[in-house]
């Protein structure tokens, strides 16, 4: 098999790069084009820009910018990128109003003075079952109404956004206190588990390349008591 082209960021597997930070952004090389998954917190997308510079890859090779969801730590650099590279921005239709600023992102009052969310135009609205190159869009609502994961069926690679994150070697839900609907988030774990991923690339934490199935099963078994009981207190 011909090796896949390298992607900017720290290599994870062939054709996939990780741009670490408060949020993991990922690059997926598809032929001569690169899909950027999430843009991070930075309003000027500094970690993303620096990763491309370090790899000596023109950022203009980004063919699409896709968001796992609308939270500012994942979309903070989107406006800067769409202004500076000719790549369309895509997110699920249910999160598009938040990304575009037509609906305000829910946020604790104490955070509002310190977090500025810069809206960005969404060129492509995604729906469950859509394709982004070889990646399948899977709608996994709960963390936000339009949370999605991106799955490569033949390579069993899952970009899980905040639907599933890694913490201290275990899988968990992303920031439950910021979830739009914890019950939905727990229900979405069934869809994620049934994909059969063997490589899991979370929005927070480190990528997992071993025992992904058993770790997802463990999360599914823990989640109802760990998260739903907390939500009803």
Protein backbone atom coordinates (compact mmCIF):
# COMPACT_ATOMS: atom_id res chain seq x y z
CA UNK A 1 0.00 0.00 0.00
CA UNK A 2 1.30 3.47 -0.90
CA UNK A 3 1.94 5.49 2.29
CA UNK A 4 -0.50 8.35 2.82
CA UNK A 5 0.90 11.88 2.66
CA UNK A 6 2.02 13.45 5.91
CA UNK A 7 -0.25 15.96 7.63
CA UNK A 8 0.83 19.01 9.66
CA UNK A 9 1.03 18.49 13.41
CA UNK A 10 2.38 15.66 15.51
CA UNK A 11 1.96 12.41 13.53
CA UNK A 12 -0.63 10.01 14.95
CA UNK A 13 -1.09 7.52 12.10
CA UNK A 14 -0.44 7.82 8.37
CA UNK A 15 -2.09 10.95 7.02
CA UNK A 16 -3.23 12.26 10.42
CA UNK A 17 -1.59 15.04 12.43
CA UNK A 18 -2.49 16.28 15.89
CA UNK A 19 -2.16 19.96 16.81
CA UNK A 20 -2.26 19.84 20.61
CA UNK A 21 -3.36 22.58 22.96
CA UNK A 22 -6.28 23.18 25.28
CA UNK A 23 -8.14 21.50 22.43
CA UNK A 24 -6.71 19.01 19.98
CA UNK A 25 -7.10 20.09 16.38
CA UNK A 26 -6.41 17.47 13.73
CA UNK A 27 -5.33 17.45 10.10
CA UNK A 28 -6.29 14.69 7.72
CA UNK A 29 -4.39 14.47 4.43
CA UNK A 30 -6.59 13.31 1.56
CA UNK A 31 -4.46 13.28 -1.58
CA UNK A 32 -3.19 16.80 -2.18
CA UNK A 33 -5.80 18.32 0.09
CA UNK A 34 -5.99 18.60 3.87
CA UNK A 35 -9.10 18.59 6.04
CA UNK A 36 -8.73 20.58 9.26
CA UNK A 37 -10.87 19.29 12.13
CA UNK A 38 -11.57 22.04 14.70
CA UNK A 39 -9.66 25.32 14.97
CA UNK A 40 -8.88 25.72 18.67
CA UNK A 41 -9.40 28.61 21.08
CA UNK A 42 -7.06 31.17 19.53
CA UNK A 43 -8.77 34.01 17.68
CA UNK A 44 -5.87 34.09 15.22
CA UNK A 45 -5.67 30.29 15.02
CA UNK A 46 -2.03 30.57 16.11
CA UNK A 47 -1.41 26.87 16.95
CA UNK A 48 -2.87 25.81 13.59
CA UNK A 49 -0.85 28.37 11.63
CA UNK A 50 2.35 27.44 13.48
CA UNK A 51 1.82 23.73 12.82
CA UNK A 52 1.58 24.33 9.08
CA UNK A 53 4.65 26.58 9.14
CA UNK A 54 6.64 23.98 11.09
CA UNK A 55 5.67 21.31 8.55
CA UNK A 56 6.53 23.64 5.65
CA UNK A 57 3.06 23.02 4.24
CA UNK A 58 1.09 25.95 2.80
CA UNK A 59 -2.06 26.45 4.86
CA UNK A 60 -3.84 27.09 1.55
CA UNK A 61 -3.81 23.30 1.10
CA UNK A 62 -6.66 23.10 3.60
CA UNK A 63 -9.65 22.16 1.46
CA UNK A 64 -12.25 22.16 4.25
CA UNK A 65 -12.47 23.34 7.84
CA UNK A 66 -14.89 21.17 9.79
CA UNK A 67 -16.09 21.70 13.34
CA UNK A 68 -17.10 18.98 15.76
CA UNK A 69 -19.33 21.50 17.56
CA UNK A 70 -19.86 25.19 18.25
CA UNK A 71 -18.06 25.73 21.58
CA UNK A 72 -15.50 28.52 21.42
CA UNK A 73 -12.54 26.31 22.34
CA UNK A 74 -13.20 24.37 19.13
CA UNK A 75 -14.27 27.20 16.80
CA UNK A 76 -12.32 30.18 18.16
CA UNK A 77 -9.96 30.37 15.17
CA UNK A 78 -12.57 29.69 12.49
CA UNK A 79 -13.27 33.32 11.56
CA UNK A 80 -9.57 34.07 11.11
CA UNK A 81 -9.02 31.00 8.96
CA UNK A 82 -11.95 31.55 6.61
CA UNK A 83 -10.76 35.14 6.11
CA UNK A 84 -7.23 34.06 5.26
CA UNK A 85 -7.52 30.81 3.31
CA UNK A 86 -9.93 29.79 0.53
CA UNK A 87 -11.50 26.93 2.46
CA UNK A 88 -15.19 26.55 3.33
CA UNK A 89 -16.27 26.13 6.93
CA UNK A 90 -18.58 23.22 7.74
CA UNK A 91 -20.52 22.19 10.83
CA UNK A 92 -23.75 20.38 11.63
CA UNK A 93 -26.91 22.28 10.76
CA UNK A 94 -28.02 22.35 14.41
CA UNK A 95 -24.86 24.16 15.49
CA UNK A 96 -24.61 26.53 12.51
CA UNK A 97 -26.73 29.29 14.16
CA UNK A 98 -24.27 29.41 17.08
CA UNK A 99 -21.17 29.42 14.86
CA UNK A 100 -22.62 32.23 12.75
CA UNK A 101 -23.66 34.25 15.80
CA UNK A 102 -27.38 34.17 15.05
CA UNK A 103 -27.93 32.43 18.40
CA UNK A 104 -25.78 33.16 21.46
CA UNK A 105 -23.69 30.31 22.79
CA UNK A 106 -24.86 29.36 26.30
CA UNK A 107 -22.16 30.37 28.77
CA UNK A 108 -21.96 30.85 32.54
CA UNK A 109 -22.36 34.60 33.35
CA UNK A 110 -18.98 34.76 35.08
CA UNK A 111 -17.24 33.64 31.87
CA UNK A 112 -18.89 36.13 29.50
CA UNK A 113 -16.57 39.12 30.27
CA UNK A 114 -13.50 37.00 29.56
CA UNK A 115 -14.53 34.95 26.52
CA UNK A 116 -15.16 36.66 23.22
CA UNK A 117 -16.75 34.47 20.59
CA UNK A 118 -16.10 35.67 17.07
CA UNK A 119 -18.72 34.34 14.67
CA UNK A 120 -17.81 32.78 11.33
CA UNK A 121 -19.83 32.11 8.14
CA UNK A 122 -20.79 28.49 7.65
CA UNK A 123 -20.55 27.52 3.99
CA UNK A 124 -21.58 23.87 4.37
CA UNK A 125 -24.16 22.51 6.80
CA UNK A 126 -23.52 18.91 7.67
CA UNK A 127 -26.06 16.18 8.44
CA UNK A 128 -25.83 12.65 9.73
CA UNK A 129 -24.39 10.37 7.04
CA UNK A 130 -22.71 13.09 4.99
CA UNK A 131 -19.16 12.59 3.76
CA UNK A 132 -16.16 14.87 4.19
CA UNK A 133 -13.76 13.19 1.80
CA UNK A 134 -13.39 9.66 3.20
CA UNK A 135 -14.75 10.69 6.61
CA UNK A 136 -18.36 9.93 7.51
CA UNK A 137 -20.29 12.49 9.55
CA UNK A 138 -22.05 10.89 12.53
CA UNK A 139 -24.45 13.09 14.51
CA UNK A 140 -23.88 12.52 18.24
CA UNK A 141 -25.89 15.25 20.00
CA UNK A 142 -25.76 15.99 23.69
CA UNK A 143 -22.62 18.00 24.31
CA UNK A 144 -24.19 20.46 21.87
CA UNK A 145 -27.26 20.00 19.64
CA UNK A 146 -25.05 19.59 16.60
CA UNK A 147 -22.08 17.69 18.01
CA UNK A 148 -20.66 15.34 15.39
CA UNK A 149 -17.87 12.81 15.18
CA UNK A 150 -15.97 12.03 11.99
CA UNK A 151 -15.31 8.37 11.19
CA UNK A 152 -13.15 6.67 8.57
CA UNK A 153 -14.90 3.30 8.08
CA UNK A 154 -12.11 1.35 6.41
CA UNK A 155 -9.31 2.64 8.65
CA UNK A 156 -11.50 2.60 11.81
CA UNK A 157 -10.33 6.10 12.78
CA UNK A 158 -12.68 8.18 14.91
CA UNK A 159 -12.31 11.92 15.49
CA UNK A 160 -14.54 12.17 18.55
CA UNK A 161 -14.61 15.89 19.36
CA UNK A 162 -16.12 16.34 22.83
CA UNK A 163 -18.60 13.48 22.45
CA UNK A 164 -15.85 11.31 23.99
CA UNK A 165 -12.63 12.65 25.53
CA UNK A 166 -9.66 11.10 27.32
CA UNK A 167 -8.64 11.86 30.89
CA UNK A 168 -5.91 10.02 32.82
CA UNK A 169 -6.15 6.96 30.60
CA UNK A 170 -9.94 6.63 30.79
CA UNK A 171 -12.63 7.82 28.44
CA UNK A 172 -15.29 10.24 29.62
CA UNK A 173 -17.78 12.81 28.35
CA UNK A 174 -16.52 16.26 27.50
CA UNK A 175 -17.16 18.89 30.22
CA UNK A 176 -20.57 17.62 31.39
CA UNK A 177 -21.42 20.98 33.03
CA UNK A 178 -21.40 22.59 29.58
CA UNK A 179 -23.48 19.89 27.87
CA UNK A 180 -26.74 21.00 26.29
CA UNK A 181 -28.39 17.64 27.13
CA UNK A 182 -26.53 15.06 29.21
CA UNK A 183 -29.12 12.35 28.56
CA UNK A 184 -28.59 12.75 24.81
CA UNK A 185 -24.81 12.73 25.30
CA UNK A 186 -25.03 9.39 27.11
CA UNK A 187 -27.37 7.97 24.46
CA UNK A 188 -24.95 9.04 21.72
CA UNK A 189 -22.32 6.73 23.21
CA UNK A 190 -24.21 3.78 21.73
CA UNK A 191 -23.77 5.14 18.21
CA UNK A 192 -20.11 5.81 18.85
CA UNK A 193 -19.44 2.35 20.31
CA UNK A 194 -21.20 0.64 17.43
CA UNK A 195 -18.90 2.27 14.86
CA UNK A 196 -16.16 -0.16 15.88
CA UNK A 197 -13.36 2.41 16.03
CA UNK A 198 -9.84 1.15 16.64
CA UNK A 199 -8.16 4.56 16.77
CA UNK A 200 -9.82 7.32 18.80
CA UNK A 201 -8.73 10.94 18.42
CA UNK A 202 -10.45 13.02 21.12
CA UNK A 203 -10.93 16.76 21.34
CA UNK A 204 -9.28 16.71 24.78
CA UNK A 205 -6.66 14.28 26.04
CA UNK A 206 -4.34 11.97 24.16
CA UNK A 207 -5.13 9.81 21.12
CA UNK A 208 -5.84 6.16 21.81
CA UNK A 209 -4.59 3.44 19.47
CA UNK A 210 -5.20 0.38 21.69
CA UNK A 211 -8.21 -1.13 23.47
CA UNK A 212 -10.59 1.49 22.12
CA UNK A 213 -13.59 -0.86 22.09
CA UNK A 214 -13.22 -2.03 25.72
CA UNK A 215 -12.64 1.54 26.89
CA UNK A 216 -15.79 2.74 25.14
CA UNK A 217 -17.72 -0.17 26.66
CA UNK A 218 -16.42 0.81 30.09
CA UNK A 219 -17.58 4.40 29.54
CA UNK A 220 -21.02 3.25 28.43
CA UNK A 221 -21.42 1.15 31.57
CA UNK A 222 -20.27 3.98 33.86
CA UNK A 223 -22.01 6.88 32.15
CA UNK A 224 -25.63 6.56 33.35
CA UNK A 225 -24.66 6.57 37.03
CA UNK A 226 -21.69 8.86 36.69
CA UNK A 227 -23.37 11.62 34.69
CA UNK A 228 -27.15 11.29 34.75
CA UNK A 229 -27.34 10.86 38.53
CA UNK A 230 -25.21 13.97 38.92
CA UNK A 231 -27.47 15.92 36.57
CA UNK A 232 -30.56 15.21 38.70
CA UNK A 233 -29.03 16.37 42.00
